[in-house]
Amino acid sequence: MNCPRCQSTQIIKYGHTHYGKPRFRCQDCGRQFVEQATRQPIDETTRQLIDKLLLERLALAAIARVTGVSQRWLQLYVNQKFHQIPKAVEVTSKKKVD
């Protein structure tokens, strides 16, 4: 078995997932993984669709149903997007009219 990140063979058993599958850890890069993962990362096209649906102000439950992602993952994704937005507000002074 090789590490999915660095292809190292220095792998140790590192407990179980909450689904009961054995978890492994690479001793070289520290990556934790499951040997035959059934859950795959969300691809870029789905993320772009989610961004468009968020701009349409659809409910998160509706977006999760349409795209097939979990509501928990979607909430984490929205929170991540929110924290990436700059929080500084630029205020320009208006000219005073006498």
N, C-alpha and C. Protein backbone atom coordinates (compact mmCIF):
# COMPACT_ATOMS: atom_id res chain seq x y z
N MET A 1 0.85 -1.18 0.00
CA MET A 1 0.00 0.00 0.00
C MET A 1 0.90 1.24 0.00
N ASN A 2 0.50 2.23 -0.79
CA ASN A 2 1.25 3.49 -0.90
C ASN A 2 0.41 4.65 -0.41
N CYS A 3 1.08 5.69 0.07
CA CYS A 3 0.41 6.91 0.50
C CYS A 3 -0.15 7.63 -0.73
N PRO A 4 -1.41 8.10 -0.68
CA PRO A 4 -1.97 8.80 -1.85
C PRO A 4 -1.30 10.14 -2.12
N ARG A 5 -0.66 10.75 -1.12
CA ARG A 5 -0.03 12.05 -1.31
C ARG A 5 1.40 11.93 -1.82
N CYS A 6 2.23 11.14 -1.11
CA CYS A 6 3.66 11.12 -1.44
C CYS A 6 4.15 9.78 -1.99
N GLN A 7 3.24 8.80 -2.12
CA GLN A 7 3.55 7.47 -2.63
C GLN A 7 4.55 6.69 -1.78
N SER A 8 4.73 7.08 -0.53
CA SER A 8 5.63 6.39 0.38
C SER A 8 5.01 5.05 0.79
N THR A 9 5.87 4.10 1.15
CA THR A 9 5.39 2.81 1.65
C THR A 9 5.49 2.73 3.17
N GLN A 10 5.89 3.81 3.82
CA GLN A 10 6.01 3.84 5.28
C GLN A 10 4.64 4.14 5.88
N ILE A 11 3.77 3.13 5.91
CA ILE A 11 2.39 3.27 6.34
C ILE A 11 2.18 2.50 7.63
N ILE A 12 1.47 3.11 8.58
CA ILE A 12 1.11 2.41 9.81
C ILE A 12 -0.41 2.43 9.98
N LYS A 13 -0.94 1.43 10.69
CA LYS A 13 -2.36 1.42 10.99
C LYS A 13 -2.61 2.48 12.04
N TYR A 14 -3.71 3.26 11.88
CA TYR A 14 -3.93 4.43 12.73
C TYR A 14 -5.36 4.50 13.23
N GLY A 15 -5.90 3.33 13.64
CA GLY A 15 -7.25 3.30 14.20
C GLY A 15 -8.30 3.01 13.16
N HIS A 16 -9.55 3.42 13.48
CA HIS A 16 -10.68 3.18 12.61
C HIS A 16 -11.47 4.47 12.41
N THR A 17 -12.17 4.54 11.29
CA THR A 17 -13.09 5.65 11.07
C THR A 17 -14.36 5.37 11.86
N HIS A 18 -15.26 6.34 11.94
CA HIS A 18 -16.50 6.11 12.64
C HIS A 18 -17.43 5.18 11.87
N TYR A 19 -17.06 4.84 10.64
CA TYR A 19 -17.80 3.85 9.87
C TYR A 19 -17.23 2.45 10.07
N GLY A 20 -16.14 2.34 10.82
CA GLY A 20 -15.54 1.04 11.11
C GLY A 20 -14.44 0.63 10.17
N LYS A 21 -14.11 1.44 9.17
CA LYS A 21 -13.04 1.09 8.25
C LYS A 21 -11.68 1.38 8.90
N PRO A 22 -10.67 0.57 8.62
CA PRO A 22 -9.35 0.85 9.18
C PRO A 22 -8.74 2.10 8.55
N ARG A 23 -8.13 2.92 9.39
CA ARG A 23 -7.49 4.15 8.94
C ARG A 23 -5.98 3.94 8.99
N PHE A 24 -5.28 4.56 8.05
CA PHE A 24 -3.83 4.44 7.97
C PHE A 24 -3.20 5.82 8.00
N ARG A 25 -1.92 5.87 8.37
CA ARG A 25 -1.19 7.14 8.43
C ARG A 25 0.18 6.96 7.81
N CYS A 26 0.57 7.90 6.97
CA CYS A 26 1.90 7.88 6.34
C CYS A 26 2.90 8.46 7.34
N GLN A 27 3.98 7.75 7.57
CA GLN A 27 4.99 8.24 8.51
C GLN A 27 5.88 9.31 7.89
N ASP A 28 5.88 9.42 6.58
CA ASP A 28 6.72 10.43 5.92
C ASP A 28 6.04 11.80 5.87
N CYS A 29 4.79 11.84 5.39
CA CYS A 29 4.12 13.14 5.23
C CYS A 29 3.01 13.39 6.24
N GLY A 30 2.60 12.37 7.01
CA GLY A 30 1.57 12.55 8.02
C GLY A 30 0.14 12.44 7.51
N ARG A 31 -0.05 12.16 6.24
CA ARG A 31 -1.39 12.05 5.65
C ARG A 31 -2.13 10.86 6.26
N GLN A 32 -3.39 11.09 6.64
CA GLN A 32 -4.26 10.02 7.11
C GLN A 32 -5.21 9.66 5.98
N PHE A 33 -5.46 8.36 5.81
CA PHE A 33 -6.34 7.95 4.71
C PHE A 33 -6.94 6.59 4.99
N VAL A 34 -7.98 6.27 4.22
CA VAL A 34 -8.63 4.97 4.24
C VAL A 34 -8.25 4.30 2.93
N GLU A 35 -8.00 3.00 2.99
CA GLU A 35 -7.48 2.30 1.81
C GLU A 35 -8.43 2.36 0.62
N GLN A 36 -9.68 2.01 0.79
CA GLN A 36 -10.63 2.06 -0.31
C GLN A 36 -11.76 3.00 0.08
N ALA A 37 -11.51 4.27 -0.05
CA ALA A 37 -12.49 5.28 0.37
C ALA A 37 -13.71 5.25 -0.55
N THR A 38 -14.90 5.27 0.04
CA THR A 38 -16.11 5.32 -0.77
C THR A 38 -16.55 6.75 -0.98
N ARG A 39 -16.11 7.65 -0.15
CA ARG A 39 -16.47 9.06 -0.27
C ARG A 39 -15.34 9.79 -1.01
N GLN A 40 -15.70 10.47 -2.07
CA GLN A 40 -14.72 11.14 -2.91
C GLN A 40 -14.82 12.65 -2.72
N PRO A 41 -13.74 13.39 -2.97
CA PRO A 41 -13.81 14.85 -2.87
C PRO A 41 -14.80 15.43 -3.89
N ILE A 42 -15.34 16.60 -3.55
CA ILE A 42 -16.29 17.27 -4.43
C ILE A 42 -15.52 17.90 -5.59
N ASP A 43 -15.91 17.60 -6.82
CA ASP A 43 -15.17 18.10 -7.97
C ASP A 43 -15.44 19.59 -8.20
N GLU A 44 -14.60 20.18 -9.03
CA GLU A 44 -14.63 21.63 -9.26
C GLU A 44 -15.91 22.09 -9.95
N THR A 45 -16.46 21.28 -10.86
CA THR A 45 -17.69 21.68 -11.54
C THR A 45 -18.86 21.75 -10.56
N THR A 46 -18.91 20.83 -9.60
CA THR A 46 -19.96 20.88 -8.59
C THR A 46 -19.79 22.10 -7.70
N ARG A 47 -18.55 22.42 -7.36
CA ARG A 47 -18.29 23.61 -6.54
C ARG A 47 -18.73 24.88 -7.27
N GLN A 48 -18.48 24.95 -8.58
CA GLN A 48 -18.90 26.12 -9.35
C GLN A 48 -20.42 26.21 -9.41
N LEU A 49 -21.10 25.08 -9.55
CA LEU A 49 -22.56 25.06 -9.54
C LEU A 49 -23.09 25.53 -8.19
N ILE A 50 -22.45 25.08 -7.11
CA ILE A 50 -22.85 25.50 -5.76
C ILE A 50 -22.69 27.01 -5.62
N ASP A 51 -21.58 27.55 -6.12
CA ASP A 51 -21.37 29.00 -6.05
C ASP A 51 -22.48 29.76 -6.79
N LYS A 52 -22.87 29.27 -7.96
CA LYS A 52 -23.94 29.92 -8.72
C LYS A 52 -25.27 29.84 -7.98
N LEU A 53 -25.56 28.68 -7.39
CA LEU A 53 -26.81 28.51 -6.66
C LEU A 53 -26.83 29.37 -5.40
N LEU A 54 -25.67 29.56 -4.77
CA LEU A 54 -25.60 30.44 -3.61
C LEU A 54 -25.91 31.88 -4.00
N LEU A 55 -25.43 32.29 -5.18
CA LEU A 55 -25.73 33.64 -5.66
C LEU A 55 -27.22 33.82 -5.95
N GLU A 56 -27.90 32.72 -6.28
CA GLU A 56 -29.35 32.77 -6.51
C GLU A 56 -30.12 32.76 -5.20
N ARG A 57 -29.43 32.66 -4.08
CA ARG A 57 -30.00 32.70 -2.73
C ARG A 57 -30.96 31.56 -2.47
N LEU A 58 -30.61 30.37 -2.98
CA LEU A 58 -31.40 29.19 -2.68
C LEU A 58 -31.07 28.70 -1.27
N ALA A 59 -31.98 27.98 -0.66
CA ALA A 59 -31.73 27.42 0.66
C ALA A 59 -30.64 26.35 0.57
N LEU A 60 -29.89 26.21 1.65
CA LEU A 60 -28.80 25.23 1.65
C LEU A 60 -29.33 23.82 1.47
N ALA A 61 -30.49 23.53 2.04
CA ALA A 61 -31.07 22.19 1.88
C ALA A 61 -31.39 21.92 0.40
N ALA A 62 -31.88 22.93 -0.31
CA ALA A 62 -32.18 22.78 -1.74
C ALA A 62 -30.89 22.57 -2.54
N ILE A 63 -29.86 23.32 -2.22
CA ILE A 63 -28.57 23.16 -2.93
C ILE A 63 -28.01 21.77 -2.68
N ALA A 64 -28.12 21.29 -1.45
CA ALA A 64 -27.61 19.96 -1.12
C ALA A 64 -28.37 18.89 -1.91
N ARG A 65 -29.68 19.04 -2.03
CA ARG A 65 -30.48 18.08 -2.79
C ARG A 65 -30.12 18.09 -4.27
N VAL A 66 -29.98 19.28 -4.84
CA VAL A 66 -29.71 19.40 -6.28
C VAL A 66 -28.32 18.85 -6.63
N THR A 67 -27.33 19.17 -5.81
CA THR A 67 -25.95 18.81 -6.14
C THR A 67 -25.53 17.45 -5.60
N GLY A 68 -26.27 16.92 -4.64
CA GLY A 68 -25.94 15.60 -4.09
C GLY A 68 -24.85 15.63 -3.03
N VAL A 69 -24.55 16.80 -2.47
CA VAL A 69 -23.57 16.88 -1.39
C VAL A 69 -24.32 16.87 -0.05
N SER A 70 -23.60 16.56 1.01
CA SER A 70 -24.25 16.54 2.32
C SER A 70 -24.44 17.97 2.81
N GLN A 71 -25.45 18.15 3.64
CA GLN A 71 -25.71 19.49 4.20
C GLN A 71 -24.56 19.91 5.10
N ARG A 72 -23.96 18.97 5.81
CA ARG A 72 -22.83 19.29 6.69
C ARG A 72 -21.65 19.82 5.88
N TRP A 73 -21.31 19.12 4.77
CA TRP A 73 -20.20 19.58 3.93
C TRP A 73 -20.51 20.95 3.34
N LEU A 74 -21.76 21.13 2.90
CA LEU A 74 -22.16 22.39 2.29
C LEU A 74 -22.04 23.54 3.28
N GLN A 75 -22.45 23.32 4.53
CA GLN A 75 -22.33 24.38 5.54
C GLN A 75 -20.87 24.72 5.79
N LEU A 76 -20.01 23.72 5.86
CA LEU A 76 -18.56 23.98 6.03
C LEU A 76 -18.00 24.75 4.83
N TYR A 77 -18.46 24.42 3.62
CA TYR A 77 -18.00 25.10 2.42
C TYR A 77 -18.43 26.57 2.43
N VAL A 78 -19.69 26.82 2.82
CA VAL A 78 -20.19 28.20 2.88
C VAL A 78 -19.43 28.99 3.94
N ASN A 79 -19.18 28.37 5.09
CA ASN A 79 -18.41 29.05 6.14
C ASN A 79 -17.01 29.40 5.66
N GLN A 80 -16.39 28.48 4.91
CA GLN A 80 -15.05 28.72 4.37
C GLN A 80 -15.08 29.89 3.39
N LYS A 81 -16.09 29.93 2.53
CA LYS A 81 -16.22 31.04 1.58
C LYS A 81 -16.40 32.37 2.32
N PHE A 82 -17.21 32.35 3.39
CA PHE A 82 -17.47 33.56 4.16
C PHE A 82 -16.19 34.11 4.79
N HIS A 83 -15.35 33.21 5.31
CA HIS A 83 -14.12 33.66 5.97
C HIS A 83 -13.08 34.16 4.97
N GLN A 84 -13.24 33.83 3.68
CA GLN A 84 -12.30 34.31 2.66
C GLN A 84 -12.62 35.72 2.20
N ILE A 85 -13.81 36.20 2.50
CA ILE A 85 -14.22 37.54 2.08
C ILE A 85 -13.51 38.57 2.95
N PRO A 86 -12.89 39.59 2.36
CA PRO A 86 -12.25 40.62 3.17
C PRO A 86 -13.28 41.36 4.02
N LYS A 87 -12.91 41.61 5.28
CA LYS A 87 -13.85 42.23 6.22
C LYS A 87 -13.65 43.75 6.34
N ALA A 88 -12.65 44.29 5.67
CA ALA A 88 -12.39 45.72 5.74
C ALA A 88 -13.41 46.47 4.88
N VAL A 89 -13.93 47.55 5.43
CA VAL A 89 -14.89 48.38 4.71
C VAL A 89 -14.24 49.72 4.43
N GLU A 90 -14.29 50.12 3.18
CA GLU A 90 -13.73 51.42 2.82
C GLU A 90 -14.82 52.47 2.91
N VAL A 91 -14.54 53.51 3.66
CA VAL A 91 -15.51 54.60 3.83
C VAL A 91 -14.88 55.85 3.24
N THR A 92 -15.60 56.45 2.29
CA THR A 92 -15.11 57.69 1.71
C THR A 92 -15.96 58.83 2.26
N SER A 93 -15.29 59.91 2.56
CA SER A 93 -16.04 61.05 3.11
C SER A 93 -16.71 61.82 1.96
N LYS A 94 -17.90 62.31 2.25
CA LYS A 94 -18.63 63.09 1.27
C LYS A 94 -18.21 64.55 1.39
N LYS A 95 -18.34 65.24 0.30
CA LYS A 95 -18.05 66.69 0.33
C LYS A 95 -19.18 67.38 1.08
N LYS A 96 -18.81 68.27 1.93
CA LYS A 96 -19.81 69.04 2.67
C LYS A 96 -20.36 70.14 1.78
N VAL A 97 -21.65 70.27 1.80
CA VAL A 97 -22.31 71.33 1.04
C VAL A 97 -22.62 72.45 2.00
N ASP A 98 -22.13 73.65 1.74
CA ASP A 98 -22.38 74.79 2.63
C ASP A 98 -23.56 75.59 2.21
